């Protein structure tokens, strides 16, 4: 009935539905079960369907692991005295995730892609980064300015490297990546 290539995708979609329901009704025990499973199931699906022996595939798998860590750390950040440490571990995990995605996408294109053909596109991302930084940084406490600038830079580079995939991967996958990876991940 199901082969191992699509059973993990089916389980991922079931878990996603359960997680969305749990979040909507604030069913905390169900959230604690379904949220960590999201990246685990996605990682297993990716492993059986896309990872092969490609170098970029390994980066994606490791990135999914760090996403799992980030989700888990942030999920427990409100449970006690270690909340600030868990929050920072979650953000650090997502920072590593973004860097791994950047390297995976860049490696996949082998230095080619949209940005190589049209380098001016990188200027749009630089303009966004500068504008976003000028908007955010004045209102932040001094201790947060450099971390926010680093995080913003890494996310901008990751989305730039994802943009570089345009016309190198199917359009539906490209659009999904731009939407999913370009949206905020902090829960």
N, C-alpha and C. Protein backbone atom coordinates (compact mmCIF):
# COMPACT_ATOMS: atom_id res chain seq x y z
N UNK A 1 0.83 -1.19 0.00
CA UNK A 1 0.00 0.00 0.00
C UNK A 1 0.88 1.26 0.00
N UNK A 2 1.70 1.44 1.03
CA UNK A 2 2.62 2.57 1.09
C UNK A 2 4.03 2.05 0.96
N UNK A 3 4.86 2.73 0.21
CA UNK A 3 6.27 2.39 0.23
C UNK A 3 6.98 3.40 1.13
N UNK A 4 8.22 3.10 1.47
CA UNK A 4 8.91 3.96 2.43
C UNK A 4 9.20 5.34 1.88
N UNK A 5 9.05 5.52 0.56
CA UNK A 5 9.27 6.85 0.00
C UNK A 5 8.13 7.81 0.29
N UNK A 6 6.89 7.31 0.36
CA UNK A 6 5.80 8.25 0.61
C UNK A 6 5.12 8.07 1.97
N UNK A 7 5.42 7.03 2.71
CA UNK A 7 4.83 6.86 4.04
C UNK A 7 5.26 8.00 4.97
N UNK A 8 6.51 8.44 4.86
CA UNK A 8 7.02 9.50 5.73
C UNK A 8 6.37 10.84 5.39
N UNK A 9 6.10 11.06 4.11
CA UNK A 9 5.40 12.28 3.71
C UNK A 9 3.97 12.27 4.26
N UNK A 10 3.32 11.14 4.18
CA UNK A 10 1.96 11.01 4.70
C UNK A 10 1.96 11.24 6.21
N UNK A 11 2.89 10.62 6.92
CA UNK A 11 2.99 10.82 8.37
C UNK A 11 3.30 12.28 8.71
N UNK A 12 4.14 12.92 7.90
CA UNK A 12 4.45 14.33 8.10
C UNK A 12 3.18 15.19 7.98
N UNK A 13 2.38 14.94 6.95
CA UNK A 13 1.16 15.73 6.77
C UNK A 13 0.14 15.46 7.87
N UNK A 14 0.05 14.23 8.35
CA UNK A 14 -0.83 13.92 9.48
C UNK A 14 -0.35 14.67 10.72
N UNK A 15 0.95 14.62 10.98
CA UNK A 15 1.52 15.31 12.14
C UNK A 15 1.33 16.83 12.02
N UNK A 16 1.51 17.35 10.81
CA UNK A 16 1.31 18.79 10.59
C UNK A 16 -0.12 19.18 10.93
N UNK A 17 -1.07 18.39 10.47
CA UNK A 17 -2.48 18.67 10.75
C UNK A 17 -2.75 18.63 12.25
N UNK A 18 -2.22 17.61 12.91
CA UNK A 18 -2.40 17.50 14.36
C UNK A 18 -1.73 18.66 15.10
N UNK A 19 -0.55 19.07 14.63
CA UNK A 19 0.15 20.17 15.27
C UNK A 19 -0.61 21.49 15.09
N UNK A 20 -1.14 21.72 13.90
CA UNK A 20 -1.93 22.94 13.67
C UNK A 20 -3.17 22.95 14.56
N UNK A 21 -3.82 21.81 14.67
CA UNK A 21 -4.98 21.71 15.56
C UNK A 21 -4.56 21.98 17.01
N UNK A 22 -3.48 21.34 17.44
CA UNK A 22 -3.01 21.51 18.82
C UNK A 22 -2.67 22.97 19.11
N UNK A 23 -2.03 23.63 18.17
CA UNK A 23 -1.69 25.05 18.35
C UNK A 23 -2.96 25.90 18.41
N UNK A 24 -3.94 25.58 17.55
CA UNK A 24 -5.17 26.37 17.51
C UNK A 24 -5.96 26.28 18.81
N UNK A 25 -6.01 25.09 19.40
CA UNK A 25 -6.78 24.91 20.64
C UNK A 25 -5.89 24.96 21.88
N UNK A 26 -4.59 25.20 21.67
CA UNK A 26 -3.60 25.25 22.76
C UNK A 26 -3.60 23.99 23.61
N UNK A 27 -3.59 22.85 22.93
CA UNK A 27 -3.48 21.55 23.59
C UNK A 27 -1.98 21.28 23.78
N UNK A 28 -1.46 21.68 24.94
CA UNK A 28 -0.01 21.65 25.20
C UNK A 28 0.57 20.23 25.11
N UNK A 29 -0.05 19.21 25.71
CA UNK A 29 0.54 17.87 25.56
C UNK A 29 0.64 17.43 24.10
N UNK A 30 -0.38 17.74 23.30
CA UNK A 30 -0.33 17.37 21.89
C UNK A 30 0.74 18.18 21.13
N UNK A 31 0.90 19.44 21.50
CA UNK A 31 1.96 20.26 20.90
C UNK A 31 3.32 19.64 21.20
N UNK A 32 3.52 19.22 22.46
CA UNK A 32 4.81 18.64 22.86
C UNK A 32 5.12 17.35 22.10
N UNK A 33 4.10 16.66 21.64
CA UNK A 33 4.32 15.44 20.85
C UNK A 33 4.52 15.76 19.38
N UNK A 34 3.62 16.59 18.84
CA UNK A 34 3.62 16.79 17.38
C UNK A 34 4.69 17.75 16.89
N UNK A 35 5.04 18.77 17.66
CA UNK A 35 6.00 19.76 17.17
C UNK A 35 7.39 19.16 16.91
N UNK A 36 7.97 18.43 17.86
CA UNK A 36 9.29 17.84 17.57
C UNK A 36 9.25 16.82 16.43
N UNK A 37 8.11 16.15 16.27
CA UNK A 37 7.99 15.15 15.21
C UNK A 37 8.04 15.76 13.80
N UNK A 38 7.67 17.03 13.67
CA UNK A 38 7.63 17.65 12.35
C UNK A 38 8.97 17.54 11.62
N UNK A 39 10.03 17.99 12.25
CA UNK A 39 11.34 17.98 11.59
C UNK A 39 11.90 16.56 11.49
N UNK A 40 11.56 15.72 12.46
CA UNK A 40 12.02 14.32 12.40
C UNK A 40 11.42 13.63 11.18
N UNK A 41 10.11 13.75 11.02
CA UNK A 41 9.44 13.10 9.89
C UNK A 41 9.87 13.72 8.55
N UNK A 42 10.03 15.04 8.53
CA UNK A 42 10.49 15.69 7.30
C UNK A 42 11.91 15.23 6.96
N UNK A 43 12.75 15.11 7.97
CA UNK A 43 14.12 14.63 7.74
C UNK A 43 14.15 13.21 7.22
N UNK A 44 13.33 12.33 7.78
CA UNK A 44 13.29 10.94 7.30
C UNK A 44 12.77 10.90 5.87
N UNK A 45 11.72 11.68 5.60
CA UNK A 45 11.20 11.74 4.22
C UNK A 45 12.29 12.23 3.25
N UNK A 46 12.98 13.27 3.64
CA UNK A 46 14.04 13.81 2.78
C UNK A 46 15.15 12.78 2.58
N UNK A 47 15.50 12.08 3.64
CA UNK A 47 16.56 11.07 3.55
C UNK A 47 16.20 10.00 2.53
N UNK A 48 14.97 9.51 2.58
CA UNK A 48 14.58 8.43 1.67
C UNK A 48 14.31 8.90 0.25
N UNK A 49 14.08 10.20 0.06
CA UNK A 49 13.68 10.69 -1.25
C UNK A 49 14.68 11.59 -1.95
N UNK A 50 15.47 12.35 -1.21
CA UNK A 50 16.29 13.38 -1.85
C UNK A 50 17.76 13.38 -1.45
N UNK A 51 18.09 12.85 -0.30
CA UNK A 51 19.43 13.07 0.24
C UNK A 51 20.53 12.42 -0.59
N UNK A 52 20.30 11.20 -1.06
CA UNK A 52 21.31 10.46 -1.83
C UNK A 52 22.69 10.65 -1.19
N UNK A 53 23.69 10.78 -2.01
CA UNK A 53 25.04 11.02 -1.50
C UNK A 53 25.50 12.44 -1.80
N UNK A 54 24.57 13.30 -2.20
CA UNK A 54 24.95 14.66 -2.56
C UNK A 54 25.35 15.44 -1.30
N UNK A 55 26.39 16.21 -1.47
CA UNK A 55 26.91 17.01 -0.37
C UNK A 55 25.84 17.96 0.17
N UNK A 56 25.09 18.61 -0.73
CA UNK A 56 24.06 19.54 -0.27
C UNK A 56 22.96 18.82 0.50
N UNK A 57 22.67 17.57 0.13
CA UNK A 57 21.66 16.80 0.84
C UNK A 57 22.03 16.58 2.30
N UNK A 58 23.29 16.36 2.53
CA UNK A 58 23.74 16.20 3.93
C UNK A 58 23.58 17.50 4.71
N UNK A 59 23.87 18.63 4.05
CA UNK A 59 23.66 19.93 4.71
C UNK A 59 22.18 20.11 5.08
N UNK A 60 21.29 19.71 4.17
CA UNK A 60 19.85 19.85 4.44
C UNK A 60 19.45 18.97 5.62
N UNK A 61 19.93 17.73 5.66
CA UNK A 61 19.59 16.83 6.77
C UNK A 61 20.09 17.38 8.10
N UNK A 62 21.30 17.90 8.11
CA UNK A 62 21.84 18.48 9.35
C UNK A 62 21.04 19.72 9.73
N UNK A 63 20.64 20.52 8.73
CA UNK A 63 19.82 21.71 9.00
C UNK A 63 18.48 21.31 9.61
N UNK A 64 17.88 20.25 9.10
CA UNK A 64 16.61 19.79 9.67
C UNK A 64 16.79 19.34 11.11
N UNK A 65 17.93 18.72 11.42
CA UNK A 65 18.22 18.34 12.81
C UNK A 65 18.30 19.58 13.70
N UNK A 66 19.00 20.62 13.22
CA UNK A 66 19.09 21.84 14.02
C UNK A 66 17.74 22.56 14.13
N UNK A 67 16.89 22.43 13.11
CA UNK A 67 15.53 22.96 13.21
C UNK A 67 14.75 22.22 14.30
N UNK A 68 14.93 20.91 14.34
CA UNK A 68 14.31 20.10 15.41
C UNK A 68 14.77 20.61 16.77
N UNK A 69 16.09 20.83 16.92
CA UNK A 69 16.60 21.34 18.19
C UNK A 69 16.00 22.71 18.51
N UNK A 70 15.99 23.60 17.52
CA UNK A 70 15.44 24.94 17.73
C UNK A 70 13.98 24.89 18.16
N UNK A 71 13.18 24.09 17.47
CA UNK A 71 11.77 23.94 17.84
C UNK A 71 11.63 23.43 19.27
N UNK A 72 12.44 22.44 19.61
CA UNK A 72 12.35 21.82 20.93
C UNK A 72 12.79 22.80 22.02
N UNK A 73 13.93 23.47 21.82
CA UNK A 73 14.38 24.44 22.82
C UNK A 73 13.35 25.55 23.02
N UNK A 74 12.81 26.08 21.93
CA UNK A 74 11.85 27.18 22.05
C UNK A 74 10.52 26.71 22.64
N UNK A 75 10.18 25.47 22.41
CA UNK A 75 8.94 24.92 22.95
C UNK A 75 8.98 24.91 24.49
N UNK A 76 10.16 24.67 25.04
CA UNK A 76 10.29 24.56 26.50
C UNK A 76 10.82 25.84 27.15
N UNK A 77 10.94 26.91 26.38
CA UNK A 77 11.55 28.13 26.92
C UNK A 77 10.73 28.78 28.02
N UNK A 78 9.45 28.49 28.11
CA UNK A 78 8.59 29.13 29.10
C UNK A 78 8.41 28.27 30.35
N UNK A 79 9.25 27.26 30.51
CA UNK A 79 9.03 26.32 31.61
C UNK A 79 10.12 26.41 32.68
N UNK A 80 10.28 27.59 33.26
CA UNK A 80 11.17 27.66 34.41
C UNK A 80 12.29 28.66 34.29
N UNK A 81 13.24 28.51 35.23
CA UNK A 81 14.31 29.47 35.38
C UNK A 81 15.29 29.48 34.21
N UNK A 82 15.35 28.41 33.47
CA UNK A 82 16.31 28.33 32.37
C UNK A 82 15.71 28.84 31.05
N UNK A 83 14.64 29.61 31.13
CA UNK A 83 13.94 30.03 29.92
C UNK A 83 14.84 30.86 28.99
N UNK A 84 15.66 31.74 29.56
CA UNK A 84 16.54 32.55 28.72
C UNK A 84 17.59 31.68 28.02
N UNK A 85 18.14 30.71 28.74
CA UNK A 85 19.10 29.80 28.12
C UNK A 85 18.47 28.98 27.00
N UNK A 86 17.26 28.48 27.24
CA UNK A 86 16.57 27.70 26.21
C UNK A 86 16.23 28.57 25.00
N UNK A 87 15.83 29.80 25.25
CA UNK A 87 15.55 30.73 24.15
C UNK A 87 16.81 30.95 23.31
N UNK A 88 17.94 31.20 23.97
CA UNK A 88 19.20 31.43 23.24
C UNK A 88 19.65 30.16 22.51
N UNK A 89 19.48 28.99 23.13
CA UNK A 89 19.80 27.74 22.44
C UNK A 89 18.92 27.54 21.21
N UNK A 90 17.64 27.90 21.34
CA UNK A 90 16.73 27.80 20.20
C UNK A 90 17.15 28.72 19.08
N UNK A 91 17.44 29.97 19.41
CA UNK A 91 17.88 30.92 18.38
C UNK A 91 19.20 30.49 17.75
N UNK A 92 20.11 30.00 18.58
CA UNK A 92 21.40 29.52 18.06
C UNK A 92 21.21 28.34 17.12
N UNK A 93 20.30 27.45 17.47
CA UNK A 93 20.01 26.31 16.60
C UNK A 93 19.46 26.77 15.25
N UNK A 94 18.56 27.75 15.28
CA UNK A 94 18.01 28.26 14.03
C UNK A 94 19.05 29.05 13.23
N UNK A 95 19.97 29.71 13.91
CA UNK A 95 21.05 30.40 13.20
C UNK A 95 21.91 29.38 12.45
N UNK A 96 22.25 28.29 13.11
CA UNK A 96 23.01 27.22 12.45
C UNK A 96 22.20 26.63 11.29
N UNK A 97 20.89 26.46 11.50
CA UNK A 97 20.02 25.96 10.44
C UNK A 97 20.10 26.85 9.21
N UNK A 98 19.98 28.16 9.41
CA UNK A 98 20.02 29.10 8.28
C UNK A 98 21.37 29.04 7.57
N UNK A 99 22.46 28.94 8.33
CA UNK A 99 23.78 28.82 7.70
C UNK A 99 23.90 27.54 6.88
N UNK A 100 23.38 26.45 7.40
CA UNK A 100 23.43 25.18 6.68
C UNK A 100 22.60 25.23 5.40
N UNK A 101 21.42 25.87 5.47
CA UNK A 101 20.63 26.04 4.25
C UNK A 101 21.39 26.89 3.23
N UNK A 102 22.02 27.95 3.71
CA UNK A 102 22.81 28.80 2.81
C UNK A 102 23.86 27.97 2.08
N UNK A 103 24.65 27.20 2.84
CA UNK A 103 25.70 26.38 2.23
C UNK A 103 25.13 25.31 1.30
N UNK A 104 24.01 24.70 1.70
CA UNK A 104 23.39 23.66 0.86
C UNK A 104 22.92 24.24 -0.47
N UNK A 105 22.23 25.37 -0.42
CA UNK A 105 21.71 25.96 -1.65
C UNK A 105 22.85 26.46 -2.54
N UNK A 106 23.85 27.04 -1.91
CA UNK A 106 24.99 27.55 -2.69
C UNK A 106 25.75 26.39 -3.35
N UNK A 107 25.93 25.32 -2.59
CA UNK A 107 26.61 24.14 -3.12
C UNK A 107 25.80 23.51 -4.26
N UNK A 108 24.48 23.48 -4.12
CA UNK A 108 23.62 22.90 -5.14
C UNK A 108 23.78 23.63 -6.49
N UNK A 109 23.95 24.94 -6.43
CA UNK A 109 24.06 25.73 -7.67
C UNK A 109 25.46 25.69 -8.27
N UNK A 110 26.44 25.19 -7.52
CA UNK A 110 27.83 25.17 -8.00
C UNK A 110 28.31 26.53 -8.50
N UNK A 111 27.94 27.58 -7.78
CA UNK A 111 28.38 28.92 -8.16
C UNK A 111 27.63 29.50 -9.34
N UNK A 112 26.64 28.79 -9.83
CA UNK A 112 25.83 29.30 -10.94
C UNK A 112 24.50 29.74 -10.37
N UNK A 113 23.56 30.01 -11.22
CA UNK A 113 22.23 30.36 -10.76
C UNK A 113 21.87 31.80 -11.07
N UNK A 114 20.73 32.20 -10.57
CA UNK A 114 20.16 33.50 -10.89
C UNK A 114 21.07 34.65 -10.47
N UNK A 115 21.65 34.57 -9.29
CA UNK A 115 22.49 35.68 -8.78
C UNK A 115 23.75 35.82 -9.63
N UNK A 116 24.27 34.73 -10.10
CA UNK A 116 25.45 34.80 -10.98
C UNK A 116 25.09 35.44 -12.31
N UNK A 117 23.90 35.11 -12.83
CA UNK A 117 23.45 35.69 -14.10
C UNK A 117 23.05 37.15 -13.95
N UNK A 118 22.47 37.48 -12.80
CA UNK A 118 21.98 38.84 -12.56
C UNK A 118 22.46 39.32 -11.19
N UNK A 119 23.72 39.71 -11.09
CA UNK A 119 24.28 40.08 -9.78
C UNK A 119 23.59 41.25 -9.09
N UNK A 120 22.89 42.07 -9.86
CA UNK A 120 22.18 43.20 -9.26
C UNK A 120 21.13 42.74 -8.26
N UNK A 121 20.67 41.49 -8.37
CA UNK A 121 19.68 40.97 -7.43
C UNK A 121 20.25 40.97 -6.01
N UNK A 122 21.54 40.71 -5.90
CA UNK A 122 22.17 40.73 -4.57
C UNK A 122 22.07 42.12 -3.94
N UNK A 123 22.07 43.15 -4.78
CA UNK A 123 21.93 44.52 -4.25
C UNK A 123 20.56 44.74 -3.61
N UNK A 124 19.53 44.09 -4.15
CA UNK A 124 18.20 44.20 -3.55
C UNK A 124 18.20 43.61 -2.13
N UNK A 125 18.88 42.48 -1.98
CA UNK A 125 18.96 41.86 -0.66
C UNK A 125 19.79 42.71 0.30
N UNK A 126 20.86 43.29 -0.21
CA UNK A 126 21.68 44.18 0.61
C UNK A 126 20.87 45.41 1.04
N UNK A 127 20.11 45.96 0.11
CA UNK A 127 19.26 47.11 0.44
C UNK A 127 18.23 46.73 1.50
N UNK A 128 17.64 45.55 1.36
CA UNK A 128 16.68 45.09 2.38
C UNK A 128 17.36 44.96 3.73
N UNK A 129 18.54 44.34 3.75
CA UNK A 129 19.27 44.15 5.01
C UNK A 129 19.59 45.49 5.67
N UNK A 130 20.07 46.44 4.89
CA UNK A 130 20.40 47.76 5.43
C UNK A 130 19.14 48.45 5.94
N UNK A 131 18.07 48.44 5.13
CA UNK A 131 16.81 49.07 5.54
C UNK A 131 16.23 48.43 6.79
N UNK A 132 16.22 47.12 6.82
CA UNK A 132 15.71 46.40 7.99
C UNK A 132 16.54 46.71 9.23
N UNK A 133 17.84 46.76 9.06
CA UNK A 133 18.73 47.06 10.20
C UNK A 133 18.51 48.48 10.70
N UNK A 134 18.39 49.43 9.79
CA UNK A 134 18.15 50.82 10.19
C UNK A 134 16.81 50.96 10.91
N UNK A 135 15.85 50.13 10.53
CA UNK A 135 14.54 50.16 11.18
C UNK A 135 14.59 49.53 12.58
N UNK A 136 15.26 48.38 12.70
CA UNK A 136 15.25 47.62 13.95
C UNK A 136 16.25 48.11 15.00
N UNK A 137 17.46 48.38 14.57
CA UNK A 137 18.55 48.58 15.53
C UNK A 137 18.36 49.76 16.48
N UNK A 138 17.84 50.91 16.06
CA UNK A 138 17.75 52.03 17.02
C UNK A 138 16.93 51.73 18.26
N UNK A 139 15.92 50.88 18.16
CA UNK A 139 15.05 50.60 19.31
C UNK A 139 15.49 49.41 20.14
N UNK A 140 16.57 48.76 19.74
CA UNK A 140 17.03 47.58 20.49
C UNK A 140 18.01 47.97 21.58
N UNK A 141 18.00 47.21 22.68
CA UNK A 141 19.04 47.41 23.69
C UNK A 141 20.42 47.11 23.06
N UNK A 142 21.43 47.77 23.55
CA UNK A 142 22.78 47.64 22.99
C UNK A 142 23.23 46.19 22.91
N UNK A 143 22.91 45.38 23.92
CA UNK A 143 23.34 43.97 23.94
C UNK A 143 22.74 43.16 22.80
N UNK A 144 21.62 43.60 22.24
CA UNK A 144 20.96 42.84 21.17
C UNK A 144 21.34 43.29 19.77
N UNK A 145 21.99 44.43 19.63
CA UNK A 145 22.24 44.99 18.30
C UNK A 145 23.10 44.07 17.43
N UNK A 146 24.22 43.62 17.93
CA UNK A 146 25.10 42.77 17.12
C UNK A 146 24.45 41.41 16.85
N UNK A 147 23.86 40.73 17.86
CA UNK A 147 23.19 39.46 17.55
C UNK A 147 22.08 39.60 16.51
N UNK A 148 21.29 40.67 16.60
CA UNK A 148 20.21 40.87 15.62
C UNK A 148 20.79 41.14 14.24
N UNK A 149 21.85 41.90 14.17
CA UNK A 149 22.50 42.18 12.88
C UNK A 149 23.08 40.90 12.27
N UNK A 150 23.71 40.06 13.09
CA UNK A 150 24.27 38.80 12.61
C UNK A 150 23.14 37.89 12.13
N UNK A 151 22.09 37.76 12.93
CA UNK A 151 20.97 36.88 12.57
C UNK A 151 20.30 37.37 11.28
N UNK A 152 20.08 38.67 11.18
CA UNK A 152 19.47 39.24 9.98
C UNK A 152 20.34 39.01 8.75
N UNK A 153 21.64 39.15 8.91
CA UNK A 153 22.57 38.94 7.79
C UNK A 153 22.53 37.49 7.33
N UNK A 154 22.55 36.56 8.27
CA UNK A 154 22.53 35.14 7.92
C UNK A 154 21.22 34.77 7.22
N UNK A 155 20.10 35.26 7.72
CA UNK A 155 18.81 34.96 7.08
C UNK A 155 18.77 35.57 5.68
N UNK A 156 19.27 36.78 5.53
CA UNK A 156 19.31 37.42 4.22
C UNK A 156 20.17 36.61 3.25
N UNK A 157 21.33 36.15 3.71
CA UNK A 157 22.19 35.32 2.85
C UNK A 157 21.51 34.01 2.47
N UNK A 158 20.79 33.42 3.42
CA UNK A 158 20.11 32.16 3.13
C UNK A 158 19.02 32.37 2.08
N UNK A 159 18.23 33.43 2.22
CA UNK A 159 17.17 33.68 1.23
C UNK A 159 17.79 34.06 -0.11
N UNK A 160 18.91 34.77 -0.11
CA UNK A 160 19.62 35.08 -1.36
C UNK A 160 20.08 33.79 -2.03
N UNK A 161 20.64 32.87 -1.26
CA UNK A 161 21.09 31.61 -1.86
C UNK A 161 19.91 30.78 -2.35
N UNK A 162 18.78 30.89 -1.67
CA UNK A 162 17.56 30.21 -2.13
C UNK A 162 17.07 30.84 -3.43
N UNK A 163 17.12 32.16 -3.53
CA UNK A 163 16.74 32.86 -4.75
C UNK A 163 17.62 32.42 -5.91
N UNK A 164 18.86 32.12 -5.61
CA UNK A 164 19.81 31.67 -6.62
C UNK A 164 19.38 30.35 -7.28
N UNK A 165 18.49 29.61 -6.63
CA UNK A 165 18.00 28.33 -7.16
C UNK A 165 16.97 28.49 -8.27
N UNK A 166 16.51 29.71 -8.49
CA UNK A 166 15.47 29.96 -9.49
C UNK A 166 15.87 29.37 -10.84
N UNK A 167 14.98 28.60 -11.41
CA UNK A 167 15.11 27.91 -12.69
C UNK A 167 16.11 26.74 -12.66
N UNK A 168 16.65 26.44 -11.49
CA UNK A 168 17.49 25.26 -11.33
C UNK A 168 16.72 24.12 -10.67
N UNK A 169 15.61 24.46 -10.04
CA UNK A 169 14.73 23.48 -9.42
C UNK A 169 13.31 23.76 -9.93
N UNK A 170 12.38 22.81 -9.79
CA UNK A 170 11.01 23.05 -10.25
C UNK A 170 10.40 24.29 -9.58
N UNK A 171 9.60 25.04 -10.33
CA UNK A 171 9.02 26.29 -9.83
C UNK A 171 8.20 26.11 -8.57
N UNK A 172 7.42 25.02 -8.46
CA UNK A 172 6.60 24.83 -7.26
C UNK A 172 7.48 24.66 -6.02
N UNK A 173 8.58 23.95 -6.17
CA UNK A 173 9.50 23.77 -5.04
C UNK A 173 10.18 25.09 -4.71
N UNK A 174 10.57 25.83 -5.74
CA UNK A 174 11.21 27.14 -5.53
C UNK A 174 10.28 28.07 -4.76
N UNK A 175 9.03 28.16 -5.18
CA UNK A 175 8.06 29.05 -4.51
C UNK A 175 7.85 28.61 -3.07
N UNK A 176 7.73 27.31 -2.85
CA UNK A 176 7.57 26.81 -1.48
C UNK A 176 8.77 27.21 -0.61
N UNK A 177 9.98 27.03 -1.14
CA UNK A 177 11.18 27.38 -0.38
C UNK A 177 11.23 28.86 -0.04
N UNK A 178 10.94 29.70 -1.00
CA UNK A 178 10.98 31.14 -0.75
C UNK A 178 9.98 31.52 0.33
N UNK A 179 8.80 30.97 0.26
CA UNK A 179 7.77 31.29 1.27
C UNK A 179 8.13 30.70 2.62
N UNK A 180 8.48 29.41 2.64
CA UNK A 180 8.74 28.72 3.91
C UNK A 180 10.01 29.21 4.59
N UNK A 181 11.07 29.38 3.83
CA UNK A 181 12.34 29.76 4.45
C UNK A 181 12.45 31.26 4.68
N UNK A 182 11.69 32.03 3.96
CA UNK A 182 11.73 33.47 4.13
C UNK A 182 10.83 33.98 5.24
N UNK A 183 10.00 33.10 5.79
CA UNK A 183 9.09 33.54 6.85
C UNK A 183 9.74 33.35 8.22
N UNK A 184 9.32 34.15 9.19
CA UNK A 184 9.92 34.03 10.53
C UNK A 184 9.67 32.65 11.13
N UNK A 185 10.63 32.15 11.89
CA UNK A 185 10.57 30.79 12.43
C UNK A 185 10.42 30.77 13.95
N UNK A 186 10.43 31.90 14.60
CA UNK A 186 10.36 31.90 16.05
C UNK A 186 8.92 31.71 16.48
N UNK A 187 8.70 30.68 17.31
CA UNK A 187 7.32 30.40 17.75
C UNK A 187 7.05 31.02 19.10
